[in-house]
Amino acid sequence: MVSSVKKLEDLRKVTGRIMRVFQTPISLQNIEYFITASVGVAVYPEDGLNAEALIKNADIAMDIAKSKGKNQCVYCTSSIKKDTIKKMKLTNQLYRALDNNELFLVYQPQVTADAQKITGFEALLRWNNKKYGLVTPDVFIPMAEQTRLIRPIGLWVFKTAYEQLKVFQDRFQDESLFMAINLSIEQLRDEDIANKINKILRDTGTNPANIQIRSPKALPLMKTPLSCNALKNLRSLGYRSPSMISVPVFPHLTG
């Protein structure tokens, strides 16, 4: 808490000095260490009338500073508070999205680069909320991962995509068509994910050779035993190799 500052420009000087302190490396046993700082600032009375409210809003601003790459200072604003409240409301809405039938899949056709022939489809999750309308994946997917809602939602995606694959195979009269489905890191943290996916496979009578499971790009950086074991178990079930990915060039289909 900084109580002696009367003007915002003086407060900016204070935070500027704090940030400059962290620009100087610390030397320990002849080794230099660089430390970064993420600073969030809330100002009385605009951002709160008591210490609790000020700390809460400063914490929100700090989270934004971290999301921007750290080593930054962010001041709380009315737009930040508004976005945070909307995010909280959206998260609450997401808990009921499955029960309210607000989630749906669109299917991106995959074609071979040479023959321009459809070889499969990629299932992409979408959310049409009754209150906020279409919510973009870059907004709701992180929410689903943070709350672990991605786990039940992900199983719904597998079941729905498996069933739709049969429709596409009948429509195009091609049983070799595959369905590509994305797995998030949070889903791979579920130690029983392979068994759950395989149960849906059996229940729908789907051939695992027609299912391509795509792992997150950040997975190689994780190297967690659970995620590696999950992928290993899925591969052992006969799922299609991601190395056979084709290029998407067609518009989305909804089924």
C-alpha atoms as a PDB file:
ATOM      1  CA  MET A   1       0.000   0.000   0.000  1.00  0.00           C
ATOM      2  CA  VAL A   2       1.338   3.419  -1.005  1.00  0.00           C
ATOM      3  CA  SER A   3      -0.423   6.090   1.032  1.00  0.00           C
ATOM      4  CA  SER A   4       1.825   9.121   0.623  1.00  0.00           C
ATOM      5  CA  VAL A   5       1.169   9.601  -3.094  1.00  0.00           C
ATOM      6  CA  LYS A   6      -1.418  12.222  -4.030  1.00  0.00           C
ATOM      7  CA  LYS A   7      -1.172  12.290  -7.830  1.00  0.00           C
ATOM      8  CA  LEU A   8      -1.307   9.482 -10.380  1.00  0.00           C
ATOM      9  CA  GLU A   9       1.840  10.773 -12.088  1.00  0.00           C
ATOM     10  CA  ASP A  10       3.696  10.423  -8.779  1.00  0.00           C
ATOM     11  CA  LEU A  11       2.427   6.857  -8.441  1.00  0.00           C
ATOM     12  CA  ARG A  12       3.738   6.076 -11.915  1.00  0.00           C
ATOM     13  CA  LYS A  13       7.157   7.318 -10.798  1.00  0.00           C
ATOM     14  CA  VAL A  14       7.020   4.936  -7.832  1.00  0.00           C
ATOM     15  CA  THR A  15       6.078   1.930  -9.967  1.00  0.00           C
ATOM     16  CA  GLY A  16       8.704   2.971 -12.510  1.00  0.00           C
ATOM     17  CA  ARG A  17      11.387   2.864  -9.821  1.00  0.00           C
ATOM     18  CA  ILE A  18      10.165  -0.574  -8.715  1.00  0.00           C
ATOM     19  CA  MET A  19      10.364  -1.926 -12.264  1.00  0.00           C
ATOM     20  CA  ARG A  20      13.862  -0.480 -12.756  1.00  0.00           C
ATOM     21  CA  VAL A  21      15.086  -2.268  -9.625  1.00  0.00           C
ATOM     22  CA  PHE A  22      14.258  -5.603 -11.254  1.00  0.00           C
ATOM     23  CA  GLN A  23      16.172  -4.659 -14.399  1.00  0.00           C
ATOM     24  CA  THR A  24      19.421  -4.951 -12.456  1.00  0.00           C
ATOM     25  CA  PRO A  25      20.715  -8.528 -12.261  1.00  0.00           C
ATOM     26  CA  ILE A  26      21.607 -10.096  -8.929  1.00  0.00           C
ATOM     27  CA  SER A  27      25.085 -11.575  -8.667  1.00  0.00           C
ATOM     28  CA  LEU A  28      25.470 -14.728  -6.604  1.00  0.00           C
ATOM     29  CA  GLN A  29      28.677 -16.774  -6.586  1.00  0.00           C
ATOM     30  CA  ASN A  30      29.850 -15.032  -9.760  1.00  0.00           C
ATOM     31  CA  ILE A  31      26.605 -15.888 -11.563  1.00  0.00           C
ATOM     32  CA  GLU A  32      24.163 -13.196 -12.654  1.00  0.00           C
ATOM     33  CA  TYR A  33      20.450 -13.830 -12.142  1.00  0.00           C
ATOM     34  CA  PHE A  34      17.760 -11.742 -13.810  1.00  0.00           C
ATOM     35  CA  ILE A  35      14.491 -11.422 -11.894  1.00  0.00           C
ATOM     36  CA  THR A  36      11.248 -10.270 -13.492  1.00  0.00           C
ATOM     37  CA  ALA A  37       8.309  -8.615 -11.766  1.00  0.00           C
ATOM     38  CA  SER A  38       4.639  -8.418 -12.665  1.00  0.00           C
ATOM     39  CA  VAL A  39       3.030  -5.428 -10.981  1.00  0.00           C
ATOM     40  CA  GLY A  40      -0.673  -4.679 -10.691  1.00  0.00           C
ATOM     41  CA  VAL A  41      -1.867  -1.304  -9.446  1.00  0.00           C
ATOM     42  CA  ALA A  42      -5.256  -0.270  -8.054  1.00  0.00           C
ATOM     43  CA  VAL A  43      -5.978   3.334  -7.050  1.00  0.00           C
ATOM     44  CA  TYR A  44      -8.262   4.647  -4.293  1.00  0.00           C
ATOM     45  CA  PRO A  45     -11.133   5.473  -4.642  1.00  0.00           C
ATOM     46  CA  GLU A  46     -11.597   4.584  -8.326  1.00  0.00           C
ATOM     47  CA  ASP A  47     -10.675   0.923  -7.870  1.00  0.00           C
ATOM     48  CA  GLY A  48     -11.984   0.340  -4.360  1.00  0.00           C
ATOM     49  CA  LEU A  49     -13.076   2.022  -1.159  1.00  0.00           C
ATOM     50  CA  ASN A  50     -11.301  -0.373   1.190  1.00  0.00           C
ATOM     51  CA  ALA A  51      -8.109  -2.412   1.346  1.00  0.00           C
ATOM     52  CA  GLU A  52      -9.854  -5.653   0.360  1.00  0.00           C
ATOM     53  CA  ALA A  53     -11.282  -4.187  -2.856  1.00  0.00           C
ATOM     54  CA  LEU A  54      -8.013  -2.472  -3.748  1.00  0.00           C
ATOM     55  CA  ILE A  55      -5.974  -5.651  -3.256  1.00  0.00           C
ATOM     56  CA  LYS A  56      -8.491  -7.642  -5.295  1.00  0.00           C
ATOM     57  CA  ASN A  57      -8.346  -5.228  -8.238  1.00  0.00           C
ATOM     58  CA  ALA A  58      -4.560  -4.913  -8.013  1.00  0.00           C
ATOM     59  CA  ASP A  59      -4.378  -8.705  -8.179  1.00  0.00           C
ATOM     60  CA  ILE A  60      -6.549  -8.688 -11.312  1.00  0.00           C
ATOM     61  CA  ALA A  61      -4.226  -6.140 -12.924  1.00  0.00           C
ATOM     62  CA  MET A  62      -1.202  -8.244 -11.920  1.00  0.00           C
ATOM     63  CA  ASP A  63      -2.679 -11.319 -13.623  1.00  0.00           C
ATOM     64  CA  ILE A  64      -3.009  -9.301 -16.820  1.00  0.00           C
ATOM     65  CA  ALA A  65       0.607  -8.177 -16.489  1.00  0.00           C
ATOM     66  CA  LYS A  66       1.634 -11.840 -16.243  1.00  0.00           C
ATOM     67  CA  SER A  67      -0.451 -12.778 -19.274  1.00  0.00           C
ATOM     68  CA  LYS A  68       1.310 -10.082 -21.317  1.00  0.00           C
ATOM     69  CA  GLY A  69       4.653 -11.752 -20.804  1.00  0.00           C
ATOM     70  CA  LYS A  70       5.535 -10.689 -17.249  1.00  0.00           C
ATOM     71  CA  ASN A  71       7.993  -7.956 -16.283  1.00  0.00           C
ATOM     72  CA  GLN A  72       5.257  -5.372 -16.805  1.00  0.00           C
ATOM     73  CA  CYS A  73       3.205  -2.946 -14.761  1.00  0.00           C
ATOM     74  CA  VAL A  74      -0.544  -2.775 -15.400  1.00  0.00           C
ATOM     75  CA  TYR A  75      -2.961  -0.289 -13.859  1.00  0.00           C
ATOM     76  CA  CYS A  76      -6.478  -1.433 -13.121  1.00  0.00           C
ATOM     77  CA  THR A  77      -9.062   0.261 -15.343  1.00  0.00           C
ATOM     78  CA  SER A  78     -12.824   0.199 -15.692  1.00  0.00           C
ATOM     79  CA  SER A  79     -12.510  -1.922 -18.847  1.00  0.00           C
ATOM     80  CA  ILE A  80     -10.319  -4.447 -17.012  1.00  0.00           C
ATOM     81  CA  LYS A  81     -12.878  -4.728 -14.215  1.00  0.00           C
ATOM     82  CA  LYS A  82     -15.700  -5.036 -16.736  1.00  0.00           C
ATOM     83  CA  ASP A  83     -13.896  -7.785 -18.669  1.00  0.00           C
ATOM     84  CA  THR A  84     -13.129  -9.653 -15.442  1.00  0.00           C
ATOM     85  CA  ILE A  85     -16.764  -9.597 -14.355  1.00  0.00           C
ATOM     86  CA  LYS A  86     -17.847 -10.813 -17.800  1.00  0.00           C
ATOM     87  CA  LYS A  87     -15.271 -13.610 -17.652  1.00  0.00           C
ATOM     88  CA  MET A  88     -16.624 -14.717 -14.267  1.00  0.00           C
ATOM     89  CA  LYS A  89     -20.179 -14.722 -15.614  1.00  0.00           C
ATOM     90  CA  LEU A  90     -19.106 -16.640 -18.724  1.00  0.00           C
ATOM     91  CA  THR A  91     -17.361 -19.228 -16.570  1.00  0.00           C
ATOM     92  CA  ASN A  92     -20.571 -19.717 -14.593  1.00  0.00           C
ATOM     93  CA  GLN A  93     -22.487 -20.077 -17.861  1.00  0.00           C
ATOM     94  CA  LEU A  94     -19.983 -22.668 -19.094  1.00  0.00           C
ATOM     95  CA  TYR A  95     -20.881 -24.977 -16.204  1.00  0.00           C
ATOM     96  CA  ARG A  96     -24.366 -25.291 -17.720  1.00  0.00           C
ATOM     97  CA  ALA A  97     -23.372 -25.243 -21.401  1.00  0.00           C
ATOM     98  CA  LEU A  98     -23.575 -29.014 -21.891  1.00  0.00           C
ATOM     99  CA  ASP A  99     -26.914 -29.380 -20.104  1.00  0.00           C
ATOM    100  CA  ASN A 100     -28.330 -26.430 -22.065  1.00  0.00           C
ATOM    101  CA  ASN A 101     -27.189 -27.903 -25.420  1.00  0.00           C
ATOM    102  CA  GLU A 102     -25.169 -24.776 -26.180  1.00  0.00           C
ATOM    103  CA  LEU A 103     -22.056 -26.606 -27.380  1.00  0.00           C
ATOM    104  CA  PHE A 104     -21.739 -27.857 -30.938  1.00  0.00           C
ATOM    105  CA  LEU A 105     -19.093 -29.055 -33.364  1.00  0.00           C
ATOM    106  CA  VAL A 106     -18.106 -27.803 -36.789  1.00  0.00           C
ATOM    107  CA  TYR A 107     -16.071 -30.021 -39.082  1.00  0.00           C
ATOM    108  CA  GLN A 108     -13.090 -28.809 -41.100  1.00  0.00           C
ATOM    109  CA  PRO A 109     -12.583 -31.049 -44.159  1.00  0.00           C
ATOM    110  CA  GLN A 110      -9.015 -32.283 -44.661  1.00  0.00           C
ATOM    111  CA  VAL A 111      -7.753 -32.848 -48.195  1.00  0.00           C
ATOM    112  CA  THR A 112      -4.611 -34.275 -49.746  1.00  0.00           C
ATOM    113  CA  ALA A 113      -2.341 -31.615 -51.186  1.00  0.00           C
ATOM    114  CA  ASP A 114      -1.847 -33.491 -54.448  1.00  0.00           C
ATOM    115  CA  ALA A 115      -5.188 -35.081 -55.347  1.00  0.00           C
ATOM    116  CA  GLN A 116      -7.426 -32.473 -53.677  1.00  0.00           C
ATOM    117  CA  LYS A 117      -9.489 -35.304 -52.249  1.00  0.00           C
ATOM    118  CA  ILE A 118     -11.284 -35.200 -48.905  1.00  0.00           C
ATOM    119  CA  THR A 119      -9.594 -37.701 -46.612  1.00  0.00           C
ATOM    120  CA  GLY A 120     -11.164 -36.744 -43.309  1.00  0.00           C
ATOM    121  CA  PHE A 121     -12.440 -34.028 -41.013  1.00  0.00           C
ATOM    122  CA  GLU A 122     -11.262 -32.139 -37.946  1.00  0.00           C
ATOM    123  CA  ALA A 123     -13.827 -31.661 -35.170  1.00  0.00           C
ATOM    124  CA  LEU A 124     -13.788 -28.103 -33.788  1.00  0.00           C
ATOM    125  CA  LEU A 125     -15.675 -27.135 -30.627  1.00  0.00           C
ATOM    126  CA  ARG A 126     -17.938 -24.076 -30.614  1.00  0.00           C
ATOM    127  CA  TRP A 127     -20.152 -22.430 -27.971  1.00  0.00           C
ATOM    128  CA  ASN A 128     -23.322 -20.461 -28.645  1.00  0.00           C
ATOM    129  CA  ASN A 129     -24.370 -19.049 -25.271  1.00  0.00           C
ATOM    130  CA  LYS A 130     -27.986 -17.990 -24.832  1.00  0.00           C
ATOM    131  CA  LYS A 131     -26.971 -14.727 -23.150  1.00  0.00           C
ATOM    132  CA  TYR A 132     -23.689 -13.751 -24.825  1.00  0.00           C
ATOM    133  CA  GLY A 133     -24.089 -15.401 -28.223  1.00  0.00           C
ATOM    134  CA  LEU A 134     -21.121 -17.042 -29.959  1.00  0.00           C
ATOM    135  CA  VAL A 135     -18.133 -17.202 -27.621  1.00  0.00           C
ATOM    136  CA  THR A 136     -14.817 -17.702 -29.403  1.00  0.00           C
ATOM    137  CA  PRO A 137     -12.694 -20.780 -28.549  1.00  0.00           C
ATOM    138  CA  ASP A 138      -9.745 -18.632 -27.446  1.00  0.00           C
ATOM    139  CA  VAL A 139     -12.021 -17.308 -24.690  1.00  0.00           C
ATOM    140  CA  PHE A 140     -13.886 -20.380 -23.464  1.00  0.00           C
ATOM    141  CA  ILE A 141     -11.302 -23.150 -23.984  1.00  0.00           C
ATOM    142  CA  PRO A 142      -8.904 -21.684 -21.357  1.00  0.00           C
ATOM    143  CA  MET A 143     -11.887 -21.339 -19.006  1.00  0.00           C
ATOM    144  CA  ALA A 144     -12.800 -24.972 -19.575  1.00  0.00           C
ATOM    145  CA  GLU A 145      -9.227 -26.054 -18.889  1.00  0.00           C
ATOM    146  CA  GLN A 146      -8.848 -23.958 -15.731  1.00  0.00           C
ATOM    147  CA  THR A 147     -12.098 -25.330 -14.279  1.00  0.00           C
ATOM    148  CA  ARG A 148     -11.464 -28.872 -15.608  1.00  0.00           C
ATOM    149  CA  LEU A 149     -14.789 -28.684 -17.423  1.00  0.00           C
ATOM    150  CA  ILE A 150     -12.781 -29.633 -20.502  1.00  0.00           C
ATOM    151  CA  ARG A 151     -12.799 -33.214 -19.236  1.00  0.00           C
ATOM    152  CA  PRO A 152     -16.569 -33.891 -19.477  1.00  0.00           C
ATOM    153  CA  ILE A 153     -16.845 -31.554 -22.463  1.00  0.00           C
ATOM    154  CA  GLY A 154     -14.004 -33.403 -24.178  1.00  0.00           C
ATOM    155  CA  LEU A 155     -15.735 -36.768 -23.754  1.00  0.00           C
ATOM    156  CA  TRP A 156     -18.889 -35.259 -25.271  1.00  0.00           C
ATOM    157  CA  VAL A 157     -16.754 -34.081 -28.222  1.00  0.00           C
ATOM    158  CA  PHE A 158     -15.442 -37.607 -28.788  1.00  0.00           C
ATOM    159  CA  LYS A 159     -18.908 -39.171 -28.688  1.00  0.00           C
ATOM    160  CA  THR A 160     -20.440 -36.546 -30.986  1.00  0.00           C
ATOM    161  CA  ALA A 161     -17.524 -36.645 -33.442  1.00  0.00           C
ATOM    162  CA  TYR A 162     -17.545 -40.461 -33.568  1.00  0.00           C
ATOM    163  CA  GLU A 163     -21.244 -40.456 -34.422  1.00  0.00           C
ATOM    164  CA  GLN A 164     -20.807 -37.739 -37.052  1.00  0.00           C
ATOM    165  CA  LEU A 165     -17.959 -39.653 -38.698  1.00  0.00           C
ATOM    166  CA  LYS A 166     -20.383 -42.454 -39.556  1.00  0.00           C
ATOM    167  CA  VAL A 167     -22.687 -39.885 -41.160  1.00  0.00           C
ATOM    168  CA  PHE A 168     -19.837 -38.528 -43.298  1.00  0.00           C
ATOM    169  CA  GLN A 169     -18.681 -42.019 -44.283  1.00  0.00           C
ATOM    170  CA  ASP A 170     -22.200 -42.840 -45.468  1.00  0.00           C
ATOM    171  CA  ARG A 171     -22.644 -39.496 -47.220  1.00  0.00           C
ATOM    172  CA  PHE A 172     -19.354 -39.729 -49.137  1.00  0.00           C
ATOM    173  CA  GLN A 173     -19.543 -43.530 -49.420  1.00  0.00           C
ATOM    174  CA  ASP A 174     -16.001 -43.797 -48.094  1.00  0.00           C
ATOM    175  CA  GLU A 175     -15.243 -45.853 -44.984  1.00  0.00           C
ATOM    176  CA  SER A 176     -11.605 -44.704 -44.995  1.00  0.00           C
ATOM    177  CA  LEU A 177     -12.530 -41.151 -43.937  1.00  0.00           C
ATOM    178  CA  PHE A 178     -11.005 -40.180 -40.595  1.00  0.00           C
ATOM    179  CA  MET A 179     -11.977 -37.775 -37.831  1.00  0.00           C
ATOM    180  CA  ALA A 180      -9.287 -35.654 -36.155  1.00  0.00           C
ATOM    181  CA  ILE A 181      -9.967 -34.670 -32.544  1.00  0.00           C
ATOM    182  CA  ASN A 182      -7.849 -32.362 -30.406  1.00  0.00           C
ATOM    183  CA  LEU A 183      -6.834 -33.271 -26.857  1.00  0.00           C
ATOM    184  CA  SER A 184      -5.863 -30.555 -24.366  1.00  0.00           C
ATOM    185  CA  ILE A 185      -3.123 -30.855 -21.772  1.00  0.00           C
ATOM    186  CA  GLU A 186      -5.755 -30.893 -19.018  1.00  0.00           C
ATOM    187  CA  GLN A 187      -7.484 -33.863 -20.644  1.00  0.00           C
ATOM    188  CA  LEU A 188      -4.172 -35.712 -20.806  1.00  0.00           C
ATOM    189  CA  ARG A 189      -3.733 -35.145 -17.069  1.00  0.00           C
ATOM    190  CA  ASP A 190      -6.699 -37.470 -16.553  1.00  0.00           C
ATOM    191  CA  GLU A 191      -4.966 -40.793 -15.892  1.00  0.00           C
ATOM    192  CA  ASP A 192      -8.052 -42.701 -17.081  1.00  0.00           C
ATOM    193  CA  ILE A 193      -8.564 -40.741 -20.316  1.00  0.00           C
ATOM    194  CA  ALA A 194      -7.525 -43.634 -22.592  1.00  0.00           C
ATOM    195  CA  ASN A 195     -10.075 -45.999 -21.037  1.00  0.00           C
ATOM    196  CA  LYS A 196     -12.829 -43.365 -21.221  1.00  0.00           C
ATOM    197  CA  ILE A 197     -12.143 -42.658 -24.890  1.00  0.00           C
ATOM    198  CA  ASN A 198     -11.943 -46.359 -25.684  1.00  0.00           C
ATOM    199  CA  LYS A 199     -15.311 -46.988 -23.990  1.00  0.00           C
ATOM    200  CA  ILE A 200     -16.932 -44.367 -26.229  1.00  0.00           C
ATOM    201  CA  LEU A 201     -15.197 -46.030 -29.168  1.00  0.00           C
ATOM    202  CA  ARG A 202     -16.748 -49.397 -28.297  1.00  0.00           C
ATOM    203  CA  ASP A 203     -20.176 -47.935 -27.530  1.00  0.00           C
ATOM    204  CA  THR A 204     -20.339 -46.219 -30.922  1.00  0.00           C
ATOM    205  CA  GLY A 205     -18.726 -49.076 -32.857  1.00  0.00           C
ATOM    206  CA  THR A 206     -16.041 -46.792 -34.267  1.00  0.00           C
ATOM    207  CA  ASN A 207     -12.835 -48.117 -35.819  1.00  0.00           C
ATOM    208  CA  PRO A 208      -9.830 -46.535 -34.022  1.00  0.00           C
ATOM    209  CA  ALA A 209      -7.932 -46.511 -37.338  1.00  0.00           C
ATOM    210  CA  ASN A 210     -10.399 -43.830 -38.480  1.00  0.00           C
ATOM    211  CA  ILE A 211      -9.713 -41.583 -35.478  1.00  0.00           C
ATOM    212  CA  GLN A 212      -6.773 -39.210 -35.369  1.00  0.00           C
ATOM    213  CA  ILE A 213      -5.997 -37.757 -31.933  1.00  0.00           C
ATOM    214  CA  ARG A 214      -3.987 -34.550 -31.999  1.00  0.00           C
ATOM    215  CA  SER A 215      -1.992 -33.634 -28.904  1.00  0.00           C
ATOM    216  CA  PRO A 216      -1.249 -30.044 -27.821  1.00  0.00           C
ATOM    217  CA  LYS A 217       1.758 -28.274 -29.361  1.00  0.00           C
ATOM    218  CA  ALA A 218       3.026 -27.496 -25.848  1.00  0.00           C
ATOM    219  CA  LEU A 219       3.059 -31.174 -24.846  1.00  0.00           C
ATOM    220  CA  PRO A 220       6.760 -31.784 -25.671  1.00  0.00           C
ATOM    221  CA  LEU A 221       7.606 -29.034 -23.178  1.00  0.00           C
ATOM    222  CA  MET A 222       5.519 -30.670 -20.452  1.00  0.00           C
ATOM    223  CA  LYS A 223       7.031 -34.178 -20.449  1.00  0.00           C
ATOM    224  CA  THR A 224       4.736 -35.257 -17.622  1.00  0.00           C
ATOM    225  CA  PRO A 225       4.443 -39.025 -17.023  1.00  0.00           C
ATOM    226  CA  LEU A 226       0.636 -38.894 -17.011  1.00  0.00           C
ATOM    227  CA  SER A 227       0.324 -37.156 -20.387  1.00  0.00           C
ATOM    228  CA  CYS A 228       2.965 -39.389 -21.992  1.00  0.00           C
ATOM    229  CA  ASN A 229       1.316 -42.534 -20.632  1.00  0.00           C
ATOM    230  CA  ALA A 230      -2.098 -41.386 -21.868  1.00  0.00           C
ATOM    231  CA  LEU A 231      -0.803 -40.890 -25.416  1.00  0.00           C
ATOM    232  CA  LYS A 232       1.059 -44.185 -25.290  1.00  0.00           C
ATOM    233  CA  ASN A 233      -2.115 -45.997 -24.221  1.00  0.00           C
ATOM    234  CA  LEU A 234      -4.134 -44.323 -26.981  1.00  0.00           C
ATOM    235  CA  ARG A 235      -1.577 -45.292 -29.619  1.00  0.00           C
ATOM    236  CA  SER A 236      -1.698 -48.899 -28.409  1.00  0.00           C
ATOM    237  CA  LEU A 237      -5.443 -48.938 -29.116  1.00  0.00           C
ATOM    238  CA  GLY A 238      -4.762 -48.434 -32.831  1.00  0.00           C
ATOM    239  CA  TYR A 239      -5.599 -44.759 -33.311  1.00  0.00           C
ATOM    240  CA  ARG A 240      -4.491 -43.107 -36.538  1.00  0.00           C
ATOM    241  CA  SER A 241      -1.045 -41.511 -36.571  1.00  0.00           C
ATOM    242  CA  PRO A 242      -0.970 -37.667 -36.572  1.00  0.00           C
ATOM    243  CA  SER A 243       1.836 -37.843 -39.156  1.00  0.00           C
ATOM    244  CA  MET A 244      -0.843 -38.421 -41.804  1.00  0.00           C
ATOM    245  CA  ILE A 245      -2.428 -35.006 -41.340  1.00  0.00           C
ATOM    246  CA  SER A 246      -3.770 -33.455 -44.534  1.00  0.00           C
ATOM    247  CA  VAL A 247      -4.213 -29.758 -45.206  1.00  0.00           C
ATOM    248  CA  PRO A 248      -7.575 -28.047 -44.534  1.00  0.00           C
ATOM    249  CA  VAL A 249      -8.808 -25.898 -47.419  1.00  0.00           C
ATOM    250  CA  PHE A 250     -12.610 -26.197 -47.359  1.00  0.00           C
ATOM    251  CA  PRO A 251     -15.166 -24.249 -45.328  1.00  0.00           C
ATOM    252  CA  HIS A 252     -16.520 -25.739 -42.115  1.00  0.00           C
ATOM    253  CA  LEU A 253     -19.392 -28.212 -42.163  1.00  0.00           C
ATOM    254  CA  THR A 254     -21.889 -28.563 -39.329  1.00  0.00           C
ATOM    255  CA  GLY A 255     -22.919 -32.151 -39.978  1.00  0.00           C
END
